[in-house]
Amino acid sequence: MPAQKKSTKQKQKKNKLTQSPKFIKDLRALFKKDPLVPTAAVLLEKFKEFHNIPPKWTPNTSIKQLRADGIINYSKAKPQGYSLDSEILSNLIKNEREIEPPSSQIKIKTQKSSIKPKKIPDTRRKSISTSKGRTAAEIIDKIPSIPKYLLKRLSSKEIKILKMGVFDINRLPLEKIDAHIETLSSARILFDANYNNEKLVSDYLEAKIKYLGKISHNLHEKEGERLFIKIFIEPMKEGKFDKILTKCMKKFDLDNCASQIIKKVGSKSKRIHLSEYALRKKIVEILSKLYSKKN
């Protein structure tokens, strides 16, 4: 009797998503309602609402497997998003029904697949732990050895970004940095950190996203400073705000002067990613230094 219970558990592990009619019904209903799901995050939320995900599967692992099988595809051409390939889905379901492997084969395969994830990670976890003392740049430059079957889940663009080193990343313009952050953030959904071999990829993606985010922040600050000089400082030196300053500086009301200058500039100020309060504060600092020198 114990042996029978054990084999049923193994069979549950081996069950494919395409073997569950209820799950397929939910899947088809989702894409019938939304033929194109715009982002990975939205797709994950939709899958979390499924009531019929088979045992031993999660929303994350379900999406990753469906993408690997070609049932769910991501289109880079506009409009971008995830869509269902009904033809591939129907063919896979048909093949599942026609080819029923013997129960003995199922047992052997499940044993192999259950052993592999446990054997692979132990050696790799050591390599991750040794990276703790290294800098972020060193971690990014040392790309881990990723199994081919995991790489197949990524598009050629995602793989290219994943393999970029610090030197190449630092040469990228701000727009590409931000685009790469979005691309890698979407790719993270394909890997389930509950499986140690997939955690290796997930951790590396997270490290790369953080590194790109840090560079993005610095570039945004530099770009903001450049725009501030162009929109406010240079026109101020050229005397374009003299009328405003002559009127409002009689009362030495720096805050009011700053507000009037921002109003004069108009929509150009929105190109600087700062709140109006932060902009006003920066202009007040400039005016304070400028008029203290004159006095």
C-alpha atoms as a PDB file:
ATOM      1  CA  MET A   1       0.000   0.000   0.000  1.00  0.00           C
ATOM      2  CA  PRO A   2       2.724   2.588   0.814  1.00  0.00           C
ATOM      3  CA  ALA A   3       4.287   1.883  -2.596  1.00  0.00           C
ATOM      4  CA  GLN A   4       0.979   2.737  -4.319  1.00  0.00           C
ATOM      5  CA  LYS A   5       0.720   6.089  -2.496  1.00  0.00           C
ATOM      6  CA  LYS A   6       4.267   6.935  -3.491  1.00  0.00           C
ATOM      7  CA  SER A   7       3.619   6.182  -7.175  1.00  0.00           C
ATOM      8  CA  THR A   8       0.488   8.394  -7.218  1.00  0.00           C
ATOM      9  CA  LYS A   9       2.530  11.304  -5.906  1.00  0.00           C
ATOM     10  CA  GLN A  10       5.117  10.688  -8.618  1.00  0.00           C
ATOM     11  CA  LYS A  11       2.386  10.598 -11.269  1.00  0.00           C
ATOM     12  CA  GLN A  12       1.085  13.953 -10.029  1.00  0.00           C
ATOM     13  CA  LYS A  13       4.549  15.432 -10.426  1.00  0.00           C
ATOM     14  CA  LYS A  14       4.774  14.132 -13.975  1.00  0.00           C
ATOM     15  CA  ASN A  15       1.364  15.350 -15.126  1.00  0.00           C
ATOM     16  CA  LYS A  16       1.655  17.888 -17.915  1.00  0.00           C
ATOM     17  CA  LEU A  17      -0.400  21.061 -18.119  1.00  0.00           C
ATOM     18  CA  THR A  18      -1.924  19.898 -21.406  1.00  0.00           C
ATOM     19  CA  GLN A  19      -3.330  16.831 -19.600  1.00  0.00           C
ATOM     20  CA  SER A  20      -5.669  19.003 -17.520  1.00  0.00           C
ATOM     21  CA  PRO A  21      -8.861  19.898 -19.451  1.00  0.00           C
ATOM     22  CA  LYS A  22      -9.942  22.353 -16.733  1.00  0.00           C
ATOM     23  CA  PHE A  23      -6.632  24.217 -16.909  1.00  0.00           C
ATOM     24  CA  ILE A  24      -6.805  24.351 -20.730  1.00  0.00           C
ATOM     25  CA  LYS A  25     -10.347  25.719 -20.442  1.00  0.00           C
ATOM     26  CA  ASP A  26      -9.104  28.521 -18.122  1.00  0.00           C
ATOM     27  CA  LEU A  27      -6.180  29.213 -20.454  1.00  0.00           C
ATOM     28  CA  ARG A  28      -8.369  29.501 -23.551  1.00  0.00           C
ATOM     29  CA  ALA A  29     -10.908  31.636 -21.696  1.00  0.00           C
ATOM     30  CA  LEU A  30      -8.133  34.062 -20.640  1.00  0.00           C
ATOM     31  CA  PHE A  31      -6.862  34.603 -24.184  1.00  0.00           C
ATOM     32  CA  LYS A  32     -10.376  34.715 -25.616  1.00  0.00           C
ATOM     33  CA  LYS A  33     -11.082  37.646 -23.312  1.00  0.00           C
ATOM     34  CA  ASP A  34      -7.611  39.228 -23.754  1.00  0.00           C
ATOM     35  CA  PRO A  35      -6.012  38.016 -27.030  1.00  0.00           C
ATOM     36  CA  LEU A  36      -2.881  40.070 -26.258  1.00  0.00           C
ATOM     37  CA  VAL A  37      -1.618  40.407 -22.668  1.00  0.00           C
ATOM     38  CA  PRO A  38       0.738  43.440 -22.663  1.00  0.00           C
ATOM     39  CA  THR A  39       3.340  42.536 -20.020  1.00  0.00           C
ATOM     40  CA  ALA A  40       4.752  39.587 -18.057  1.00  0.00           C
ATOM     41  CA  ALA A  41       3.540  41.118 -14.786  1.00  0.00           C
ATOM     42  CA  VAL A  42      -0.057  41.335 -16.047  1.00  0.00           C
ATOM     43  CA  LEU A  43       0.142  37.752 -17.369  1.00  0.00           C
ATOM     44  CA  LEU A  44       1.299  36.480 -13.973  1.00  0.00           C
ATOM     45  CA  GLU A  45      -1.582  38.272 -12.215  1.00  0.00           C
ATOM     46  CA  LYS A  46      -4.056  36.682 -14.644  1.00  0.00           C
ATOM     47  CA  PHE A  47      -2.607  33.206 -13.946  1.00  0.00           C
ATOM     48  CA  LYS A  48      -2.917  33.783 -10.188  1.00  0.00           C
ATOM     49  CA  GLU A  49      -6.667  34.013 -10.738  1.00  0.00           C
ATOM     50  CA  PHE A  50      -6.799  30.493 -12.268  1.00  0.00           C
ATOM     51  CA  HIS A  51      -8.698  27.979 -10.122  1.00  0.00           C
ATOM     52  CA  ASN A  52      -7.613  24.856 -12.002  1.00  0.00           C
ATOM     53  CA  ILE A  53      -3.805  24.885 -12.085  1.00  0.00           C
ATOM     54  CA  PRO A  54      -2.755  21.191 -11.806  1.00  0.00           C
ATOM     55  CA  PRO A  55      -1.035  19.872  -8.634  1.00  0.00           C
ATOM     56  CA  LYS A  56       2.672  20.620  -8.242  1.00  0.00           C
ATOM     57  CA  TRP A  57       2.425  23.624 -10.615  1.00  0.00           C
ATOM     58  CA  THR A  58       2.465  27.345  -9.768  1.00  0.00           C
ATOM     59  CA  PRO A  59       1.434  30.354 -11.914  1.00  0.00           C
ATOM     60  CA  ASN A  60       5.140  31.063 -12.466  1.00  0.00           C
ATOM     61  CA  THR A  61       6.134  27.542 -13.518  1.00  0.00           C
ATOM     62  CA  SER A  62       3.003  27.198 -15.671  1.00  0.00           C
ATOM     63  CA  ILE A  63       3.854  30.316 -17.711  1.00  0.00           C
ATOM     64  CA  LYS A  64       7.476  29.297 -18.085  1.00  0.00           C
ATOM     65  CA  GLN A  65       6.507  25.803 -19.345  1.00  0.00           C
ATOM     66  CA  LEU A  66       3.870  27.147 -21.745  1.00  0.00           C
ATOM     67  CA  ARG A  67       6.437  29.540 -23.209  1.00  0.00           C
ATOM     68  CA  ALA A  68       9.021  26.751 -23.512  1.00  0.00           C
ATOM     69  CA  ASP A  69       6.435  24.598 -25.377  1.00  0.00           C
ATOM     70  CA  GLY A  70       5.572  27.489 -27.703  1.00  0.00           C
ATOM     71  CA  ILE A  71       1.949  27.605 -26.510  1.00  0.00           C
ATOM     72  CA  ILE A  72       2.393  31.176 -25.251  1.00  0.00           C
ATOM     73  CA  ASN A  73       4.452  33.509 -27.433  1.00  0.00           C
ATOM     74  CA  TYR A  74       5.737  37.029 -26.906  1.00  0.00           C
ATOM     75  CA  SER A  75       5.515  39.404 -29.848  1.00  0.00           C
ATOM     76  CA  LYS A  76       8.122  42.188 -30.011  1.00  0.00           C
ATOM     77  CA  ALA A  77       6.370  43.884 -32.920  1.00  0.00           C
ATOM     78  CA  LYS A  78       3.813  46.498 -31.928  1.00  0.00           C
ATOM     79  CA  PRO A  79       1.347  45.934 -30.386  1.00  0.00           C
ATOM     80  CA  GLN A  80       3.661  44.029 -28.040  1.00  0.00           C
ATOM     81  CA  GLY A  81       2.417  41.311 -25.721  1.00  0.00           C
ATOM     82  CA  TYR A  82       1.773  37.642 -24.953  1.00  0.00           C
ATOM     83  CA  SER A  83      -0.615  35.610 -27.128  1.00  0.00           C
ATOM     84  CA  LEU A  84      -1.856  32.021 -27.323  1.00  0.00           C
ATOM     85  CA  ASP A  85      -0.851  29.727 -30.204  1.00  0.00           C
ATOM     86  CA  SER A  86      -4.050  27.635 -30.414  1.00  0.00           C
ATOM     87  CA  GLU A  87      -2.669  25.386 -33.141  1.00  0.00           C
ATOM     88  CA  ILE A  88       0.361  24.266 -31.095  1.00  0.00           C
ATOM     89  CA  LEU A  89      -1.873  23.804 -28.038  1.00  0.00           C
ATOM     90  CA  SER A  90      -4.336  21.608 -29.977  1.00  0.00           C
ATOM     91  CA  ASN A  91      -1.496  19.508 -31.471  1.00  0.00           C
ATOM     92  CA  LEU A  92       0.096  18.933 -28.065  1.00  0.00           C
ATOM     93  CA  ILE A  93      -3.243  17.881 -26.548  1.00  0.00           C
ATOM     94  CA  LYS A  94      -3.819  15.523 -29.488  1.00  0.00           C
ATOM     95  CA  ASN A  95      -0.347  13.973 -29.089  1.00  0.00           C
ATOM     96  CA  GLU A  96      -0.866  13.532 -25.348  1.00  0.00           C
ATOM     97  CA  ARG A  97      -4.011  11.504 -26.005  1.00  0.00           C
ATOM     98  CA  GLU A  98      -2.430   9.360 -28.715  1.00  0.00           C
ATOM     99  CA  ILE A  99       0.789   8.542 -26.821  1.00  0.00           C
ATOM    100  CA  GLU A 100       0.214   7.202 -23.323  1.00  0.00           C
ATOM    101  CA  PRO A 101       3.528   5.999 -21.815  1.00  0.00           C
ATOM    102  CA  PRO A 102       3.510   2.909 -19.548  1.00  0.00           C
ATOM    103  CA  SER A 103       3.365   3.558 -15.802  1.00  0.00           C
ATOM    104  CA  SER A 104       6.852   2.043 -15.331  1.00  0.00           C
ATOM    105  CA  GLN A 105       8.311   4.659 -17.666  1.00  0.00           C
ATOM    106  CA  ILE A 106       6.588   7.404 -15.742  1.00  0.00           C
ATOM    107  CA  LYS A 107       8.164   6.211 -12.516  1.00  0.00           C
ATOM    108  CA  ILE A 108      11.670   6.173 -13.984  1.00  0.00           C
ATOM    109  CA  LYS A 109      11.326   9.615 -15.548  1.00  0.00           C
ATOM    110  CA  THR A 110       9.923  11.193 -12.426  1.00  0.00           C
ATOM    111  CA  GLN A 111      12.756   9.810 -10.359  1.00  0.00           C
ATOM    112  CA  LYS A 112      15.315  11.278 -12.764  1.00  0.00           C
ATOM    113  CA  SER A 113      13.659  14.683 -12.959  1.00  0.00           C
ATOM    114  CA  SER A 114      13.223  14.866  -9.191  1.00  0.00           C
ATOM    115  CA  ILE A 115      16.867  13.973  -8.552  1.00  0.00           C
ATOM    116  CA  LYS A 116      18.389  16.376 -11.090  1.00  0.00           C
ATOM    117  CA  PRO A 117      17.219  19.664  -9.585  1.00  0.00           C
ATOM    118  CA  LYS A 118      18.647  18.581  -6.209  1.00  0.00           C
ATOM    119  CA  LYS A 119      22.044  17.527  -7.563  1.00  0.00           C
ATOM    120  CA  ILE A 120      22.720  20.517  -9.806  1.00  0.00           C
ATOM    121  CA  PRO A 121      22.193  23.355  -7.296  1.00  0.00           C
ATOM    122  CA  ASP A 122      24.551  22.194  -4.544  1.00  0.00           C
ATOM    123  CA  THR A 123      27.692  22.920  -6.582  1.00  0.00           C
ATOM    124  CA  ARG A 124      26.221  26.109  -7.946  1.00  0.00           C
ATOM    125  CA  ARG A 125      25.128  27.407  -4.571  1.00  0.00           C
ATOM    126  CA  LYS A 126      28.762  27.319  -3.532  1.00  0.00           C
ATOM    127  CA  SER A 127      29.663  29.555  -6.478  1.00  0.00           C
ATOM    128  CA  ILE A 128      26.899  31.998  -5.481  1.00  0.00           C
ATOM    129  CA  SER A 129      28.029  32.097  -1.838  1.00  0.00           C
ATOM    130  CA  THR A 130      31.628  32.817  -2.821  1.00  0.00           C
ATOM    131  CA  SER A 131      30.418  35.859  -4.768  1.00  0.00           C
ATOM    132  CA  LYS A 132      29.224  37.623  -1.611  1.00  0.00           C
ATOM    133  CA  GLY A 133      32.581  39.304  -1.036  1.00  0.00           C
ATOM    134  CA  ARG A 134      32.791  40.662  -4.582  1.00  0.00           C
ATOM    135  CA  THR A 135      31.647  44.032  -5.887  1.00  0.00           C
ATOM    136  CA  ALA A 136      28.484  44.404  -7.993  1.00  0.00           C
ATOM    137  CA  ALA A 137      30.604  45.015 -11.119  1.00  0.00           C
ATOM    138  CA  GLU A 138      32.617  41.815 -10.530  1.00  0.00           C
ATOM    139  CA  ILE A 139      29.410  39.780 -10.116  1.00  0.00           C
ATOM    140  CA  ILE A 140      27.987  41.201 -13.350  1.00  0.00           C
ATOM    141  CA  ASP A 141      31.196  40.431 -15.274  1.00  0.00           C
ATOM    142  CA  LYS A 142      31.301  36.803 -14.065  1.00  0.00           C
ATOM    143  CA  ILE A 143      28.345  35.322 -15.945  1.00  0.00           C
ATOM    144  CA  PRO A 144      27.281  31.997 -14.359  1.00  0.00           C
ATOM    145  CA  SER A 145      27.173  28.767 -16.353  1.00  0.00           C
ATOM    146  CA  ILE A 146      23.497  28.498 -17.339  1.00  0.00           C
ATOM    147  CA  PRO A 147      22.127  25.178 -18.667  1.00  0.00           C
ATOM    148  CA  LYS A 148      20.957  25.258 -22.299  1.00  0.00           C
ATOM    149  CA  TYR A 149      17.413  24.185 -21.430  1.00  0.00           C
ATOM    150  CA  LEU A 150      17.064  27.297 -19.245  1.00  0.00           C
ATOM    151  CA  LEU A 151      18.564  29.584 -21.892  1.00  0.00           C
ATOM    152  CA  LYS A 152      15.946  28.322 -24.362  1.00  0.00           C
ATOM    153  CA  ARG A 153      13.291  30.148 -22.329  1.00  0.00           C
ATOM    154  CA  LEU A 154      14.894  33.483 -23.181  1.00  0.00           C
ATOM    155  CA  SER A 155      14.727  35.393 -26.446  1.00  0.00           C
ATOM    156  CA  SER A 156      17.942  36.230 -28.332  1.00  0.00           C
ATOM    157  CA  LYS A 157      17.599  39.846 -27.130  1.00  0.00           C
ATOM    158  CA  GLU A 158      17.273  38.762 -23.488  1.00  0.00           C
ATOM    159  CA  ILE A 159      20.332  36.484 -23.799  1.00  0.00           C
ATOM    160  CA  LYS A 160      22.348  39.305 -25.380  1.00  0.00           C
ATOM    161  CA  ILE A 161      21.534  41.660 -22.470  1.00  0.00           C
ATOM    162  CA  LEU A 162      22.197  38.876 -19.958  1.00  0.00           C
ATOM    163  CA  LYS A 163      25.700  38.355 -21.387  1.00  0.00           C
ATOM    164  CA  MET A 164      26.649  42.047 -21.412  1.00  0.00           C
ATOM    165  CA  GLY A 165      29.597  42.935 -19.188  1.00  0.00           C
ATOM    166  CA  VAL A 166      30.192  46.117 -17.171  1.00  0.00           C
ATOM    167  CA  PHE A 167      32.251  47.776 -19.930  1.00  0.00           C
ATOM    168  CA  ASP A 168      29.470  47.385 -22.516  1.00  0.00           C
ATOM    169  CA  ILE A 169      26.734  48.413 -20.073  1.00  0.00           C
ATOM    170  CA  ASN A 170      28.557  51.621 -19.086  1.00  0.00           C
ATOM    171  CA  ARG A 171      28.693  52.708 -22.747  1.00  0.00           C
ATOM    172  CA  LEU A 172      24.911  52.490 -23.224  1.00  0.00           C
ATOM    173  CA  PRO A 173      22.703  55.594 -23.475  1.00  0.00           C
ATOM    174  CA  LEU A 174      20.030  56.202 -20.835  1.00  0.00           C
ATOM    175  CA  GLU A 175      17.123  55.097 -23.067  1.00  0.00           C
ATOM    176  CA  LYS A 176      18.697  51.674 -23.697  1.00  0.00           C
ATOM    177  CA  ILE A 177      19.552  51.198 -20.015  1.00  0.00           C
ATOM    178  CA  ASP A 178      15.905  51.761 -19.063  1.00  0.00           C
ATOM    179  CA  ALA A 179      14.706  49.500 -21.896  1.00  0.00           C
ATOM    180  CA  HIS A 180      17.087  46.712 -20.761  1.00  0.00           C
ATOM    181  CA  ILE A 181      15.789  46.973 -17.175  1.00  0.00           C
ATOM    182  CA  GLU A 182      12.235  46.448 -18.454  1.00  0.00           C
ATOM    183  CA  THR A 183      13.309  43.514 -20.672  1.00  0.00           C
ATOM    184  CA  LEU A 184      15.168  41.677 -17.882  1.00  0.00           C
ATOM    185  CA  SER A 185      12.379  42.365 -15.368  1.00  0.00           C
ATOM    186  CA  SER A 186       9.940  40.613 -17.727  1.00  0.00           C
ATOM    187  CA  ALA A 187      12.390  37.713 -18.187  1.00  0.00           C
ATOM    188  CA  ARG A 188      12.521  37.026 -14.429  1.00  0.00           C
ATOM    189  CA  ILE A 189       8.984  35.623 -14.571  1.00  0.00           C
ATOM    190  CA  LEU A 190      10.327  32.646 -16.541  1.00  0.00           C
ATOM    191  CA  PHE A 191      12.369  31.314 -13.602  1.00  0.00           C
ATOM    192  CA  ASP A 192      11.066  29.946 -10.323  1.00  0.00           C
ATOM    193  CA  ALA A 193      13.419  30.593  -7.389  1.00  0.00           C
ATOM    194  CA  ASN A 194      11.924  27.578  -5.560  1.00  0.00           C
ATOM    195  CA  TYR A 195      14.083  25.392  -7.842  1.00  0.00           C
ATOM    196  CA  ASN A 196      17.750  25.880  -7.020  1.00  0.00           C
ATOM    197  CA  ASN A 197      19.062  25.566 -10.589  1.00  0.00           C
ATOM    198  CA  GLU A 198      16.566  28.238 -11.707  1.00  0.00           C
ATOM    199  CA  LYS A 199      17.392  30.375  -8.667  1.00  0.00           C
ATOM    200  CA  LEU A 200      20.911  30.740 -10.079  1.00  0.00           C
ATOM    201  CA  VAL A 201      19.508  32.496 -13.163  1.00  0.00           C
ATOM    202  CA  SER A 202      16.919  34.445 -11.153  1.00  0.00           C
ATOM    203  CA  ASP A 203      19.604  35.765  -8.752  1.00  0.00           C
ATOM    204  CA  TYR A 204      21.876  36.784 -11.620  1.00  0.00           C
ATOM    205  CA  LEU A 205      19.000  38.590 -13.368  1.00  0.00           C
ATOM    206  CA  GLU A 206      18.212  40.416 -10.126  1.00  0.00           C
ATOM    207  CA  ALA A 207      21.864  41.454  -9.687  1.00  0.00           C
ATOM    208  CA  LYS A 208      22.017  42.733 -13.279  1.00  0.00           C
ATOM    209  CA  ILE A 209      18.710  44.636 -12.922  1.00  0.00           C
ATOM    210  CA  LYS A 210      20.004  46.304  -9.736  1.00  0.00           C
ATOM    211  CA  TYR A 211      23.271  47.262 -11.453  1.00  0.00           C
ATOM    212  CA  LEU A 212      21.415  48.679 -14.460  1.00  0.00           C
ATOM    213  CA  GLY A 213      19.075  50.514 -12.072  1.00  0.00           C
ATOM    214  CA  LYS A 214      22.011  52.161 -10.304  1.00  0.00           C
ATOM    215  CA  ILE A 215      23.474  53.365 -13.614  1.00  0.00           C
ATOM    216  CA  SER A 216      20.024  54.552 -14.735  1.00  0.00           C
ATOM    217  CA  HIS A 217      19.666  56.597 -11.542  1.00  0.00           C
ATOM    218  CA  ASN A 218      23.082  58.241 -12.040  1.00  0.00           C
ATOM    219  CA  LEU A 219      22.367  58.986 -15.708  1.00  0.00           C
ATOM    220  CA  HIS A 220      18.964  60.472 -14.863  1.00  0.00           C
ATOM    221  CA  GLU A 221      20.640  62.744 -12.318  1.00  0.00           C
ATOM    222  CA  LYS A 222      23.265  63.850 -14.873  1.00  0.00           C
ATOM    223  CA  GLU A 223      20.611  64.395 -17.535  1.00  0.00           C
ATOM    224  CA  GLY A 224      18.500  66.369 -15.044  1.00  0.00           C
ATOM    225  CA  GLU A 225      21.485  68.571 -14.170  1.00  0.00           C
ATOM    226  CA  ARG A 226      22.251  69.152 -17.866  1.00  0.00           C
ATOM    227  CA  LEU A 227      18.650  70.167 -18.568  1.00  0.00           C
ATOM    228  CA  PHE A 228      18.539  72.399 -15.482  1.00  0.00           C
ATOM    229  CA  ILE A 229      21.588  74.316 -16.739  1.00  0.00           C
ATOM    230  CA  LYS A 230      20.157  74.558 -20.253  1.00  0.00           C
ATOM    231  CA  ILE A 231      16.620  75.602 -19.216  1.00  0.00           C
ATOM    232  CA  PHE A 232      17.336  77.802 -16.188  1.00  0.00           C
ATOM    233  CA  ILE A 233      21.012  78.713 -15.617  1.00  0.00           C
ATOM    234  CA  GLU A 234      22.033  79.673 -19.166  1.00  0.00           C
ATOM    235  CA  PRO A 235      18.913  81.838 -19.825  1.00  0.00           C
ATOM    236  CA  MET A 236      19.451  83.480 -16.419  1.00  0.00           C
ATOM    237  CA  LYS A 237      23.027  84.417 -17.376  1.00  0.00           C
ATOM    238  CA  GLU A 238      21.744  85.760 -20.705  1.00  0.00           C
ATOM    239  CA  GLY A 239      19.336  88.068 -18.832  1.00  0.00           C
ATOM    240  CA  LYS A 240      16.110  86.397 -19.972  1.00  0.00           C
ATOM    241  CA  PHE A 241      14.644  86.458 -16.449  1.00  0.00           C
ATOM    242  CA  ASP A 242      15.793  90.025 -15.595  1.00  0.00           C
ATOM    243  CA  LYS A 243      12.273  91.530 -15.688  1.00  0.00           C
ATOM    244  CA  ILE A 244      10.954  88.927 -13.254  1.00  0.00           C
ATOM    245  CA  LEU A 245      13.968  89.294 -10.961  1.00  0.00           C
ATOM    246  CA  THR A 246      13.834  93.116 -10.951  1.00  0.00           C
ATOM    247  CA  LYS A 247      10.196  93.064  -9.807  1.00  0.00           C
ATOM    248  CA  CYS A 248      10.182  90.299  -7.224  1.00  0.00           C
ATOM    249  CA  MET A 249      13.670  90.885  -5.782  1.00  0.00           C
ATOM    250  CA  LYS A 250      12.593  94.251  -4.376  1.00  0.00           C
ATOM    251  CA  LYS A 251      11.103  92.265  -1.498  1.00  0.00           C
ATOM    252  CA  PHE A 252      13.942  89.725  -1.678  1.00  0.00           C
ATOM    253  CA  ASP A 253      11.328  86.994  -2.005  1.00  0.00           C
ATOM    254  CA  LEU A 254      13.478  84.226  -3.498  1.00  0.00           C
ATOM    255  CA  ASP A 255      10.744  81.602  -3.375  1.00  0.00           C
ATOM    256  CA  ASN A 256       8.321  83.807  -5.336  1.00  0.00           C
ATOM    257  CA  CYS A 257      11.075  84.628  -7.857  1.00  0.00           C
ATOM    258  CA  ALA A 258      11.724  80.905  -8.393  1.00  0.00           C
ATOM    259  CA  SER A 259       7.983  80.247  -8.914  1.00  0.00           C
ATOM    260  CA  GLN A 260       7.760  83.090 -11.481  1.00  0.00           C
ATOM    261  CA  ILE A 261      10.792  81.744 -13.388  1.00  0.00           C
ATOM    262  CA  ILE A 262       9.302  78.210 -13.532  1.00  0.00           C
ATOM    263  CA  LYS A 263       6.035  79.707 -14.795  1.00  0.00           C
ATOM    264  CA  LYS A 264       7.948  81.645 -17.464  1.00  0.00           C
ATOM    265  CA  VAL A 265       9.767  78.529 -18.663  1.00  0.00           C
ATOM    266  CA  GLY A 266       6.453  76.633 -18.935  1.00  0.00           C
ATOM    267  CA  SER A 267       6.295  73.021 -20.145  1.00  0.00           C
ATOM    268  CA  LYS A 268      10.088  72.837 -20.675  1.00  0.00           C
ATOM    269  CA  SER A 269      10.512  72.377 -16.920  1.00  0.00           C
ATOM    270  CA  LYS A 270       8.620  69.047 -17.150  1.00  0.00           C
ATOM    271  CA  ARG A 271      11.548  67.564 -19.071  1.00  0.00           C
ATOM    272  CA  ILE A 272      13.478  67.623 -15.786  1.00  0.00           C
ATOM    273  CA  HIS A 273      12.390  64.664 -13.633  1.00  0.00           C
ATOM    274  CA  LEU A 274      11.992  66.728 -10.449  1.00  0.00           C
ATOM    275  CA  SER A 275       8.940  67.936  -8.567  1.00  0.00           C
ATOM    276  CA  GLU A 276       8.089  71.636  -8.730  1.00  0.00           C
ATOM    277  CA  TYR A 277       9.146  71.956  -5.087  1.00  0.00           C
ATOM    278  CA  ALA A 278      12.601  70.464  -5.843  1.00  0.00           C
ATOM    279  CA  LEU A 279      13.018  72.728  -8.886  1.00  0.00           C
ATOM    280  CA  ARG A 280      12.011  75.791  -6.886  1.00  0.00           C
ATOM    281  CA  LYS A 281      14.501  74.858  -4.156  1.00  0.00           C
ATOM    282  CA  LYS A 282      17.356  74.552  -6.704  1.00  0.00           C
ATOM    283  CA  ILE A 283      16.532  77.942  -8.245  1.00  0.00           C
ATOM    284  CA  VAL A 284      16.333  79.551  -4.780  1.00  0.00           C
ATOM    285  CA  GLU A 285      19.852  78.219  -4.031  1.00  0.00           C
ATOM    286  CA  ILE A 286      21.175  79.734  -7.282  1.00  0.00           C
ATOM    287  CA  LEU A 287      19.474  83.087  -6.624  1.00  0.00           C
ATOM    288  CA  SER A 288      20.718  83.136  -3.051  1.00  0.00           C
ATOM    289  CA  LYS A 289      24.345  82.691  -4.204  1.00  0.00           C
ATOM    290  CA  LEU A 290      23.902  85.159  -7.070  1.00  0.00           C
ATOM    291  CA  TYR A 291      22.482  87.999  -4.964  1.00  0.00           C
ATOM    292  CA  SER A 292      24.767  87.401  -1.982  1.00  0.00           C
ATOM    293  CA  LYS A 293      27.746  87.988  -4.355  1.00  0.00           C
ATOM    294  CA  LYS A 294      26.213  91.242  -5.648  1.00  0.00           C
ATOM    295  CA  ASN A 295      25.674  92.498  -2.122  1.00  0.00           C
END
